[in-house]
Amino acid sequence: WEFISVGFKTKTPFNLTLQYANGTYHFFWKSGYEKHTFRTALPIIYEFKYYKDGDPTSVIVHPEKEMIQTEEMKLDPDTMYAVMVKSKVDDRQVYGGTWSDWSSTVKWKTAYRDEPREVSKIAIGMFAMVGLLILFVSIPACLSEIKMGRGSPIPPMLWRKIVEQYQKGVSQRKNCKEFEVIIIYSA
């Protein structure tokens, strides 16, 4: 039997490991209590800290298990990062204690992302969408012009006849209007 006092400092987490798969970084570590008799009764919490190497600001996360993951897109490309973890017994339970020492630091460099290429992919996609939109808007307009006869060429002889008939109709309407005006004034 192992005895645990009410207030104690937990073991320093060790074997901090990094794995990368499908655009996600997975971090695993050992707590030192994996084979402990009261493992299930020990409510251990963790403080996981990562930061750009040399930068004083850091991101701190509190996972409940011996693992955490973060997406590659949340990290700056082509940048050296450092990560470490520490543990403590949860104060909200019967036991209490202080934080363990920080684990050994693990450093890694994120992959280089060709950002301009991503921008060009977006630009090409946008131009393609605009082109398709113009095409879909212009096709119905062209079809309606063809149905109305504006889109089809008229032979010159037929065009002359149409113009002559139009001019005759205009002159007849002029005469009718003058006649109507005369009738209106004579009454």
N, C-alpha and C. Protein backbone atom coordinates (compact mmCIF):
# COMPACT_ATOMS: atom_id res chain seq x y z
N TRP A 1 0.82 -1.17 0.00
CA TRP A 1 0.00 0.00 0.00
C TRP A 1 0.87 1.24 0.00
N GLU A 2 0.43 2.21 -0.78
CA GLU A 2 1.13 3.49 -0.80
C GLU A 2 0.26 4.49 -0.06
N PHE A 3 0.90 5.37 0.67
CA PHE A 3 0.15 6.37 1.43
C PHE A 3 0.36 7.74 0.78
N ILE A 4 -0.74 8.46 0.60
CA ILE A 4 -0.67 9.80 0.03
C ILE A 4 -1.21 10.77 1.07
N SER A 5 -0.44 11.78 1.36
CA SER A 5 -0.90 12.76 2.34
C SER A 5 -1.95 13.67 1.72
N VAL A 6 -2.62 14.43 2.55
CA VAL A 6 -3.68 15.31 2.08
C VAL A 6 -3.13 16.42 1.20
N GLY A 7 -1.99 16.96 1.48
CA GLY A 7 -1.39 18.00 0.65
C GLY A 7 0.00 17.55 0.20
N PHE A 8 0.23 17.47 -1.09
CA PHE A 8 1.54 17.03 -1.57
C PHE A 8 1.83 17.60 -2.96
N LYS A 9 3.08 17.52 -3.33
CA LYS A 9 3.54 17.96 -4.65
C LYS A 9 3.59 16.72 -5.55
N THR A 10 2.92 16.78 -6.68
CA THR A 10 2.88 15.63 -7.58
C THR A 10 4.22 15.45 -8.29
N LYS A 11 4.38 14.27 -8.87
CA LYS A 11 5.59 13.97 -9.63
C LYS A 11 5.61 14.83 -10.89
N THR A 12 6.79 15.15 -11.34
CA THR A 12 6.94 15.93 -12.57
C THR A 12 6.57 15.05 -13.76
N PRO A 13 5.68 15.51 -14.64
CA PRO A 13 5.37 14.73 -15.84
C PRO A 13 6.64 14.50 -16.67
N PHE A 14 6.70 13.38 -17.35
CA PHE A 14 7.88 13.04 -18.12
C PHE A 14 7.48 12.39 -19.44
N ASN A 15 8.47 12.13 -20.26
CA ASN A 15 8.28 11.49 -21.57
C ASN A 15 7.27 12.28 -22.43
N LEU A 16 7.39 13.59 -22.43
CA LEU A 16 6.54 14.44 -23.26
C LEU A 16 6.88 14.17 -24.72
N THR A 17 5.89 13.73 -25.47
CA THR A 17 6.10 13.29 -26.85
C THR A 17 5.19 14.07 -27.79
N LEU A 18 5.71 14.35 -28.96
CA LEU A 18 4.96 15.07 -29.99
C LEU A 18 4.78 14.17 -31.20
N GLN A 19 3.55 14.09 -31.70
CA GLN A 19 3.27 13.36 -32.94
C GLN A 19 2.46 14.29 -33.84
N TYR A 20 2.73 14.22 -35.15
CA TYR A 20 2.01 15.06 -36.12
C TYR A 20 1.25 14.15 -37.07
N ALA A 21 -0.03 14.43 -37.27
CA ALA A 21 -0.84 13.66 -38.21
C ALA A 21 -1.99 14.51 -38.71
N ASN A 22 -2.18 14.53 -40.02
CA ASN A 22 -3.32 15.18 -40.67
C ASN A 22 -3.53 16.63 -40.22
N GLY A 23 -2.46 17.40 -40.16
CA GLY A 23 -2.57 18.82 -39.83
C GLY A 23 -2.80 19.10 -38.35
N THR A 24 -2.59 18.10 -37.50
CA THR A 24 -2.79 18.27 -36.06
C THR A 24 -1.57 17.77 -35.30
N TYR A 25 -1.15 18.55 -34.31
CA TYR A 25 -0.07 18.14 -33.42
C TYR A 25 -0.69 17.48 -32.19
N HIS A 26 -0.23 16.27 -31.87
CA HIS A 26 -0.70 15.52 -30.70
C HIS A 26 0.43 15.45 -29.69
N PHE A 27 0.15 15.82 -28.46
CA PHE A 27 1.14 15.78 -27.38
C PHE A 27 0.70 14.76 -26.34
N PHE A 28 1.62 13.89 -25.94
CA PHE A 28 1.36 12.86 -24.93
C PHE A 28 2.45 12.95 -23.87
N TRP A 29 2.11 12.56 -22.64
CA TRP A 29 3.11 12.51 -21.58
C TRP A 29 2.69 11.50 -20.53
N LYS A 30 3.62 11.18 -19.67
CA LYS A 30 3.37 10.26 -18.55
C LYS A 30 3.29 11.08 -17.27
N SER A 31 2.36 10.70 -16.39
CA SER A 31 2.19 11.44 -15.14
C SER A 31 3.05 10.88 -14.01
N GLY A 32 3.44 9.61 -14.12
CA GLY A 32 4.15 8.95 -13.03
C GLY A 32 3.19 8.22 -12.10
N TYR A 33 1.89 8.35 -12.36
CA TYR A 33 0.89 7.69 -11.52
C TYR A 33 0.07 6.66 -12.31
N GLU A 34 0.56 6.25 -13.45
CA GLU A 34 -0.20 5.32 -14.29
C GLU A 34 -0.48 3.99 -13.57
N LYS A 35 0.48 3.50 -12.78
CA LYS A 35 0.31 2.21 -12.10
C LYS A 35 0.06 2.37 -10.60
N HIS A 36 -0.29 3.57 -10.18
CA HIS A 36 -0.51 3.83 -8.76
C HIS A 36 -1.80 3.14 -8.30
N THR A 37 -1.79 2.66 -7.08
CA THR A 37 -2.94 1.95 -6.52
C THR A 37 -4.19 2.82 -6.51
N PHE A 38 -4.04 4.08 -6.18
CA PHE A 38 -5.19 4.98 -6.08
C PHE A 38 -5.30 5.90 -7.31
N ARG A 39 -4.89 5.41 -8.46
CA ARG A 39 -4.88 6.23 -9.68
C ARG A 39 -6.25 6.84 -9.96
N THR A 40 -7.29 6.08 -9.84
CA THR A 40 -8.63 6.60 -10.14
C THR A 40 -9.10 7.59 -9.09
N ALA A 41 -8.56 7.50 -7.87
CA ALA A 41 -8.96 8.42 -6.80
C ALA A 41 -8.15 9.71 -6.83
N LEU A 42 -7.07 9.74 -7.61
CA LEU A 42 -6.23 10.94 -7.69
C LEU A 42 -6.71 11.84 -8.82
N PRO A 43 -7.37 12.92 -8.51
CA PRO A 43 -7.84 13.83 -9.56
C PRO A 43 -6.71 14.78 -9.99
N ILE A 44 -5.85 14.30 -10.88
CA ILE A 44 -4.70 15.10 -11.31
C ILE A 44 -5.12 16.01 -12.47
N ILE A 45 -4.73 17.27 -12.36
CA ILE A 45 -4.95 18.21 -13.46
C ILE A 45 -3.58 18.63 -13.99
N TYR A 46 -3.59 19.14 -15.22
CA TYR A 46 -2.33 19.50 -15.88
C TYR A 46 -2.38 20.94 -16.36
N GLU A 47 -1.20 21.50 -16.47
CA GLU A 47 -1.05 22.81 -17.10
C GLU A 47 -0.06 22.61 -18.24
N PHE A 48 -0.56 22.79 -19.43
CA PHE A 48 0.21 22.58 -20.66
C PHE A 48 0.52 23.95 -21.23
N LYS A 49 1.79 24.22 -21.46
CA LYS A 49 2.19 25.55 -21.92
C LYS A 49 3.02 25.41 -23.20
N TYR A 50 2.62 26.19 -24.23
CA TYR A 50 3.46 26.25 -25.43
C TYR A 50 3.66 27.70 -25.83
N TYR A 51 4.79 27.94 -26.46
CA TYR A 51 5.17 29.31 -26.81
C TYR A 51 6.18 29.28 -27.94
N LYS A 52 6.30 30.42 -28.61
CA LYS A 52 7.34 30.57 -29.63
C LYS A 52 8.67 30.63 -28.90
N ASP A 53 9.63 29.88 -29.37
CA ASP A 53 10.93 29.82 -28.71
C ASP A 53 11.53 31.22 -28.61
N GLY A 54 11.84 31.65 -27.39
CA GLY A 54 12.41 32.96 -27.16
C GLY A 54 11.38 34.04 -26.88
N ASP A 55 10.11 33.75 -27.05
CA ASP A 55 9.05 34.73 -26.82
C ASP A 55 8.53 34.57 -25.39
N PRO A 56 8.42 35.66 -24.63
CA PRO A 56 7.97 35.53 -23.23
C PRO A 56 6.48 35.21 -23.09
N THR A 57 5.67 35.50 -24.12
CA THR A 57 4.23 35.20 -24.02
C THR A 57 4.00 33.73 -24.36
N SER A 58 3.03 33.14 -23.69
CA SER A 58 2.75 31.73 -23.93
C SER A 58 1.25 31.48 -23.89
N VAL A 59 0.87 30.31 -24.38
CA VAL A 59 -0.52 29.87 -24.34
C VAL A 59 -0.58 28.75 -23.32
N ILE A 60 -1.48 28.86 -22.36
CA ILE A 60 -1.61 27.84 -21.32
C ILE A 60 -2.98 27.19 -21.43
N VAL A 61 -2.98 25.86 -21.42
CA VAL A 61 -4.20 25.07 -21.54
C VAL A 61 -4.22 24.11 -20.36
N HIS A 62 -5.41 23.76 -19.88
CA HIS A 62 -5.54 22.85 -18.74
C HIS A 62 -6.27 21.56 -19.17
N PRO A 63 -5.55 20.62 -19.78
CA PRO A 63 -6.20 19.36 -20.15
C PRO A 63 -6.43 18.49 -18.92
N GLU A 64 -7.40 17.60 -19.01
CA GLU A 64 -7.70 16.71 -17.89
C GLU A 64 -7.03 15.35 -18.04
N LYS A 65 -6.50 15.07 -19.20
CA LYS A 65 -5.85 13.78 -19.45
C LYS A 65 -4.40 14.01 -19.85
N GLU A 66 -3.68 12.92 -20.02
CA GLU A 66 -2.26 13.00 -20.36
C GLU A 66 -2.06 13.18 -21.87
N MET A 67 -2.87 13.99 -22.46
CA MET A 67 -2.74 14.27 -23.89
C MET A 67 -3.48 15.55 -24.24
N ILE A 68 -3.03 16.17 -25.31
CA ILE A 68 -3.70 17.36 -25.83
C ILE A 68 -3.32 17.47 -27.30
N GLN A 69 -4.15 18.13 -28.07
CA GLN A 69 -3.83 18.33 -29.48
C GLN A 69 -4.16 19.76 -29.88
N THR A 70 -3.44 20.22 -30.89
CA THR A 70 -3.69 21.56 -31.43
C THR A 70 -3.52 21.51 -32.94
N GLU A 71 -4.33 22.27 -33.64
CA GLU A 71 -4.28 22.27 -35.10
C GLU A 71 -3.12 23.11 -35.59
N GLU A 72 -2.52 22.65 -36.66
CA GLU A 72 -1.37 23.33 -37.26
C GLU A 72 -1.72 24.75 -37.69
N MET A 73 -2.95 24.97 -38.15
CA MET A 73 -3.36 26.29 -38.65
C MET A 73 -3.40 27.34 -37.54
N LYS A 74 -3.46 26.91 -36.27
CA LYS A 74 -3.47 27.86 -35.16
C LYS A 74 -2.07 28.35 -34.82
N LEU A 75 -1.06 27.71 -35.40
CA LEU A 75 0.33 28.07 -35.12
C LEU A 75 0.93 28.79 -36.32
N ASP A 76 1.91 29.64 -36.06
CA ASP A 76 2.58 30.35 -37.15
C ASP A 76 3.45 29.38 -37.94
N PRO A 77 3.47 29.50 -39.27
CA PRO A 77 4.29 28.60 -40.08
C PRO A 77 5.78 28.91 -39.93
N ASP A 78 6.58 27.88 -40.14
CA ASP A 78 8.04 28.01 -40.16
C ASP A 78 8.56 28.70 -38.89
N THR A 79 8.03 28.27 -37.73
CA THR A 79 8.38 28.89 -36.45
C THR A 79 8.79 27.82 -35.45
N MET A 80 9.80 28.12 -34.65
CA MET A 80 10.24 27.20 -33.60
C MET A 80 9.36 27.41 -32.37
N TYR A 81 8.77 26.32 -31.87
CA TYR A 81 7.93 26.36 -30.67
C TYR A 81 8.55 25.49 -29.59
N ALA A 82 8.20 25.79 -28.35
CA ALA A 82 8.60 24.98 -27.20
C ALA A 82 7.36 24.66 -26.39
N VAL A 83 7.37 23.49 -25.75
CA VAL A 83 6.21 23.05 -24.98
C VAL A 83 6.69 22.35 -23.71
N MET A 84 5.91 22.49 -22.64
CA MET A 84 6.19 21.78 -21.39
C MET A 84 4.88 21.61 -20.63
N VAL A 85 4.90 20.73 -19.64
CA VAL A 85 3.69 20.43 -18.88
C VAL A 85 4.05 20.23 -17.41
N LYS A 86 3.10 20.56 -16.53
CA LYS A 86 3.26 20.27 -15.10
C LYS A 86 1.92 19.76 -14.58
N SER A 87 1.93 19.18 -13.37
CA SER A 87 0.71 18.57 -12.84
C SER A 87 0.47 18.98 -11.40
N LYS A 88 -0.76 18.70 -10.96
CA LYS A 88 -1.17 19.04 -9.60
C LYS A 88 -2.42 18.24 -9.28
N VAL A 89 -2.61 17.94 -8.01
CA VAL A 89 -3.85 17.30 -7.59
C VAL A 89 -4.92 18.39 -7.54
N ASP A 90 -6.08 18.10 -8.09
CA ASP A 90 -7.17 19.07 -8.16
C ASP A 90 -7.57 19.54 -6.76
N ASP A 91 -7.52 20.84 -6.53
CA ASP A 91 -7.86 21.42 -5.22
C ASP A 91 -9.33 21.24 -4.84
N ARG A 92 -10.17 21.02 -5.82
CA ARG A 92 -11.61 20.92 -5.54
C ARG A 92 -11.97 19.57 -4.91
N GLN A 93 -11.02 18.67 -4.84
CA GLN A 93 -11.25 17.35 -4.26
C GLN A 93 -10.73 17.32 -2.82
N VAL A 94 -10.68 16.15 -2.25
CA VAL A 94 -10.23 15.96 -0.87
C VAL A 94 -8.76 16.33 -0.73
N TYR A 95 -7.98 15.93 -1.72
CA TYR A 95 -6.54 16.19 -1.66
C TYR A 95 -6.23 17.59 -2.14
N GLY A 96 -5.07 18.06 -1.79
CA GLY A 96 -4.59 19.36 -2.26
C GLY A 96 -3.10 19.25 -2.49
N GLY A 97 -2.52 20.32 -2.84
CA GLY A 97 -1.08 20.28 -3.04
C GLY A 97 -0.61 21.41 -3.92
N THR A 98 0.63 21.31 -4.31
CA THR A 98 1.24 22.35 -5.14
C THR A 98 1.58 21.77 -6.50
N TRP A 99 1.84 22.67 -7.42
CA TRP A 99 2.20 22.25 -8.77
C TRP A 99 3.53 21.52 -8.76
N SER A 100 3.65 20.55 -9.62
CA SER A 100 4.93 19.86 -9.80
C SER A 100 5.89 20.79 -10.53
N ASP A 101 7.11 20.36 -10.69
CA ASP A 101 8.05 21.11 -11.52
C ASP A 101 7.63 20.92 -12.98
N TRP A 102 8.09 21.83 -13.84
CA TRP A 102 7.80 21.70 -15.27
C TRP A 102 8.55 20.51 -15.83
N SER A 103 7.96 19.85 -16.79
CA SER A 103 8.63 18.75 -17.48
C SER A 103 9.77 19.30 -18.32
N SER A 104 10.53 18.41 -18.89
CA SER A 104 11.57 18.84 -19.83
C SER A 104 10.90 19.52 -21.01
N THR A 105 11.56 20.51 -21.56
CA THR A 105 11.00 21.25 -22.69
C THR A 105 11.21 20.46 -23.98
N VAL A 106 10.18 20.41 -24.78
CA VAL A 106 10.27 19.80 -26.11
C VAL A 106 10.12 20.92 -27.12
N LYS A 107 11.04 20.95 -28.08
CA LYS A 107 10.99 21.99 -29.12
C LYS A 107 10.74 21.35 -30.47
N TRP A 108 10.01 22.08 -31.31
CA TRP A 108 9.78 21.63 -32.68
C TRP A 108 9.54 22.84 -33.56
N LYS A 109 9.72 22.62 -34.84
CA LYS A 109 9.52 23.70 -35.81
C LYS A 109 8.32 23.36 -36.68
N THR A 110 7.41 24.31 -36.81
CA THR A 110 6.24 24.10 -37.66
C THR A 110 6.65 24.13 -39.12
N ALA A 111 5.86 23.50 -39.94
CA ALA A 111 6.16 23.41 -41.37
C ALA A 111 5.98 24.76 -42.05
N TYR A 112 6.74 24.95 -43.10
CA TYR A 112 6.63 26.17 -43.91
C TYR A 112 5.37 26.07 -44.76
N ARG A 113 4.55 27.11 -44.74
CA ARG A 113 3.35 27.15 -45.60
C ARG A 113 3.56 28.24 -46.63
N ASP A 114 3.31 27.89 -47.85
CA ASP A 114 3.44 28.85 -48.94
C ASP A 114 2.15 29.65 -49.01
N GLU A 115 2.05 30.70 -48.21
CA GLU A 115 0.84 31.51 -48.10
C GLU A 115 0.42 32.15 -49.43
N PRO A 116 1.36 32.70 -50.23
CA PRO A 116 0.93 33.29 -51.50
C PRO A 116 0.22 32.28 -52.40
N ARG A 117 0.65 31.04 -52.35
CA ARG A 117 0.00 30.02 -53.16
C ARG A 117 -1.45 29.85 -52.72
N GLU A 118 -1.69 29.89 -51.42
CA GLU A 118 -3.05 29.79 -50.92
C GLU A 118 -3.89 30.98 -51.41
N VAL A 119 -3.30 32.16 -51.40
CA VAL A 119 -4.00 33.35 -51.88
C VAL A 119 -4.32 33.21 -53.36
N SER A 120 -3.37 32.69 -54.13
CA SER A 120 -3.61 32.55 -55.57
C SER A 120 -4.71 31.52 -55.83
N LYS A 121 -4.78 30.47 -55.03
CA LYS A 121 -5.85 29.49 -55.19
C LYS A 121 -7.21 30.15 -54.94
N ILE A 122 -7.26 30.98 -53.94
CA ILE A 122 -8.52 31.68 -53.63
C ILE A 122 -8.87 32.64 -54.76
N ALA A 123 -7.87 33.38 -55.28
CA ALA A 123 -8.13 34.33 -56.36
C ALA A 123 -8.60 33.62 -57.62
N ILE A 124 -7.97 32.51 -57.97
CA ILE A 124 -8.38 31.75 -59.15
C ILE A 124 -9.81 31.24 -58.97
N GLY A 125 -10.13 30.76 -57.79
CA GLY A 125 -11.49 30.29 -57.51
C GLY A 125 -12.51 31.40 -57.63
N MET A 126 -12.16 32.58 -57.14
CA MET A 126 -13.07 33.73 -57.23
C MET A 126 -13.31 34.13 -58.69
N PHE A 127 -12.22 34.18 -59.49
CA PHE A 127 -12.38 34.54 -60.90
C PHE A 127 -13.23 33.50 -61.63
N ALA A 128 -13.04 32.24 -61.31
CA ALA A 128 -13.84 31.19 -61.94
C ALA A 128 -15.32 31.37 -61.57
N MET A 129 -15.60 31.67 -60.32
CA MET A 129 -16.99 31.87 -59.90
C MET A 129 -17.61 33.08 -60.60
N VAL A 130 -16.86 34.18 -60.71
CA VAL A 130 -17.37 35.38 -61.39
C VAL A 130 -17.62 35.06 -62.86
N GLY A 131 -16.70 34.32 -63.49
CA GLY A 131 -16.88 33.94 -64.89
C GLY A 131 -18.14 33.10 -65.09
N LEU A 132 -18.35 32.13 -64.22
CA LEU A 132 -19.56 31.30 -64.31
C LEU A 132 -20.82 32.13 -64.07
N LEU A 133 -20.76 33.05 -63.15
CA LEU A 133 -21.90 33.91 -62.88
C LEU A 133 -22.25 34.75 -64.10
N ILE A 134 -21.24 35.34 -64.73
CA ILE A 134 -21.46 36.13 -65.95
C ILE A 134 -22.05 35.26 -67.04
N LEU A 135 -21.53 34.06 -67.18
CA LEU A 135 -22.01 33.13 -68.20
C LEU A 135 -23.48 32.77 -67.95
N PHE A 136 -23.83 32.45 -66.71
CA PHE A 136 -25.21 32.08 -66.41
C PHE A 136 -26.17 33.24 -66.55
N VAL A 137 -25.72 34.46 -66.33
CA VAL A 137 -26.58 35.63 -66.49
C VAL A 137 -26.73 35.98 -67.97
N SER A 138 -25.66 35.84 -68.75
CA SER A 138 -25.70 36.26 -70.15
C SER A 138 -26.43 35.26 -71.04
N ILE A 139 -26.43 34.00 -70.73
CA ILE A 139 -27.10 33.00 -71.58
C ILE A 139 -28.60 33.29 -71.68
N PRO A 140 -29.34 33.48 -70.58
CA PRO A 140 -30.77 33.79 -70.72
C PRO A 140 -31.02 35.09 -71.48
N ALA A 141 -30.16 36.09 -71.31
CA ALA A 141 -30.33 37.36 -72.03
C ALA A 141 -30.16 37.13 -73.53
N CYS A 142 -29.19 36.34 -73.93
CA CYS A 142 -28.98 36.05 -75.35
C CYS A 142 -30.16 35.26 -75.92
N LEU A 143 -30.65 34.31 -75.16
CA LEU A 143 -31.78 33.51 -75.63
C LEU A 143 -33.02 34.38 -75.81
N SER A 144 -33.27 35.32 -74.92
CA SER A 144 -34.44 36.18 -75.06
C SER A 144 -34.30 37.10 -76.27
N GLU A 145 -33.11 37.57 -76.59
CA GLU A 145 -32.91 38.40 -77.79
C GLU A 145 -33.16 37.59 -79.05
N ILE A 146 -32.74 36.34 -79.06
CA ILE A 146 -32.96 35.50 -80.24
C ILE A 146 -34.46 35.26 -80.42
N LYS A 147 -35.19 35.01 -79.33
CA LYS A 147 -36.63 34.79 -79.41
C LYS A 147 -37.34 36.03 -79.94
N MET A 148 -36.86 37.23 -79.57
CA MET A 148 -37.49 38.47 -80.01
C MET A 148 -37.05 38.85 -81.42
N GLY A 149 -36.12 38.16 -81.99
CA GLY A 149 -35.69 38.45 -83.34
C GLY A 149 -34.54 39.41 -83.43
N ARG A 150 -34.07 39.94 -82.34
CA ARG A 150 -32.97 40.90 -82.40
C ARG A 150 -31.63 40.22 -82.63
N GLY A 151 -31.55 38.99 -82.25
CA GLY A 151 -30.27 38.31 -82.36
C GLY A 151 -30.03 37.68 -83.72
N SER A 152 -31.07 37.57 -84.56
CA SER A 152 -30.87 36.92 -85.86
C SER A 152 -30.65 37.97 -86.95
N PRO A 153 -29.78 37.71 -87.89
CA PRO A 153 -29.52 38.68 -88.97
C PRO A 153 -30.69 38.73 -89.95
N ILE A 154 -31.05 39.94 -90.43
CA ILE A 154 -32.13 40.12 -91.40
C ILE A 154 -31.50 40.40 -92.76
N PRO A 155 -31.93 39.68 -93.80
CA PRO A 155 -31.37 39.94 -95.14
C PRO A 155 -31.69 41.38 -95.58
N PRO A 156 -30.79 42.02 -96.32
CA PRO A 156 -30.97 43.42 -96.72
C PRO A 156 -32.28 43.69 -97.46
N MET A 157 -32.70 42.79 -98.35
CA MET A 157 -33.95 43.02 -99.11
C MET A 157 -35.15 43.07 -98.17
N LEU A 158 -35.18 42.14 -97.23
CA LEU A 158 -36.27 42.12 -96.27
C LEU A 158 -36.22 43.36 -95.38
N TRP A 159 -35.04 43.80 -95.05
CA TRP A 159 -34.87 44.99 -94.22
C TRP A 159 -35.44 46.22 -94.91
N ARG A 160 -35.19 46.35 -96.21
CA ARG A 160 -35.72 47.50 -96.96
C ARG A 160 -37.24 47.50 -96.94
N LYS A 161 -37.84 46.33 -97.12
CA LYS A 161 -39.30 46.23 -97.11
C LYS A 161 -39.86 46.64 -95.74
N ILE A 162 -39.20 46.19 -94.70
CA ILE A 162 -39.66 46.53 -93.34
C ILE A 162 -39.58 48.04 -93.12
N VAL A 163 -38.50 48.66 -93.57
CA VAL A 163 -38.32 50.11 -93.40
C VAL A 163 -39.38 50.86 -94.21
N GLU A 164 -39.63 50.42 -95.45
CA GLU A 164 -40.64 51.08 -96.28
C GLU A 164 -42.02 50.99 -95.64
N GLN A 165 -42.38 49.81 -95.14
CA GLN A 165 -43.68 49.64 -94.50
C GLN A 165 -43.78 50.51 -93.24
N TYR A 166 -42.70 50.62 -92.53
CA TYR A 166 -42.69 51.46 -91.33
C TYR A 166 -42.91 52.92 -91.69
N GLN A 167 -42.21 53.37 -92.75
CA GLN A 167 -42.35 54.77 -93.15
C GLN A 167 -43.77 55.06 -93.64
N LYS A 168 -44.37 54.12 -94.38
CA LYS A 168 -45.75 54.30 -94.83
C LYS A 168 -46.69 54.40 -93.63
N GLY A 169 -46.48 53.54 -92.67
CA GLY A 169 -47.33 53.56 -91.48
C GLY A 169 -47.20 54.85 -90.71
N VAL A 170 -46.00 55.39 -90.63
CA VAL A 170 -45.78 56.64 -89.92
C VAL A 170 -46.49 57.78 -90.65
N SER A 171 -46.35 57.83 -91.98
CA SER A 171 -46.99 58.91 -92.73
C SER A 171 -48.51 58.79 -92.66
N GLN A 172 -49.05 57.59 -92.67
CA GLN A 172 -50.50 57.42 -92.56
C GLN A 172 -50.99 57.88 -91.19
N ARG A 173 -50.23 57.58 -90.16
CA ARG A 173 -50.62 58.02 -88.82
C ARG A 173 -50.58 59.54 -88.72
N LYS A 174 -49.61 60.15 -89.38
CA LYS A 174 -49.54 61.61 -89.36
C LYS A 174 -50.80 62.20 -89.97
N ASN A 175 -51.19 61.66 -91.12
CA ASN A 175 -52.39 62.15 -91.79
C ASN A 175 -53.63 61.92 -90.94
N CYS A 176 -53.69 60.77 -90.27
CA CYS A 176 -54.85 60.47 -89.43
C CYS A 176 -54.94 61.44 -88.27
N LYS A 177 -53.83 61.76 -87.68
CA LYS A 177 -53.83 62.67 -86.54
C LYS A 177 -54.28 64.06 -86.97
N GLU A 178 -53.82 64.52 -88.15
CA GLU A 178 -54.26 65.83 -88.62
C GLU A 178 -55.75 65.82 -88.88
N PHE A 179 -56.22 64.72 -89.43
CA PHE A 179 -57.64 64.60 -89.72
C PHE A 179 -58.45 64.59 -88.43
N GLU A 180 -57.97 63.83 -87.45
CA GLU A 180 -58.66 63.77 -86.17
C GLU A 180 -58.69 65.14 -85.50
N VAL A 181 -57.64 65.86 -85.63
CA VAL A 181 -57.57 67.19 -85.03
C VAL A 181 -58.61 68.10 -85.69
N ILE A 182 -58.72 68.01 -87.00
CA ILE A 182 -59.69 68.83 -87.73
C ILE A 182 -61.10 68.49 -87.27
N ILE A 183 -61.39 67.22 -87.13
CA ILE A 183 -62.72 66.81 -86.70
C ILE A 183 -63.01 67.33 -85.30
N ILE A 184 -62.05 67.25 -84.46
CA ILE A 184 -62.24 67.70 -83.08
C ILE A 184 -62.52 69.20 -83.04
N TYR A 185 -61.81 70.00 -83.85
CA TYR A 185 -62.01 71.45 -83.83
C TYR A 185 -63.29 71.87 -84.55
N SER A 186 -63.75 71.10 -85.50
CA SER A 186 -64.94 71.50 -86.24
C SER A 186 -66.21 71.22 -85.45
N ALA A 187 -66.17 70.38 -84.51
CA ALA A 187 -67.36 70.05 -83.75
C ALA A 187 -67.64 71.02 -82.69
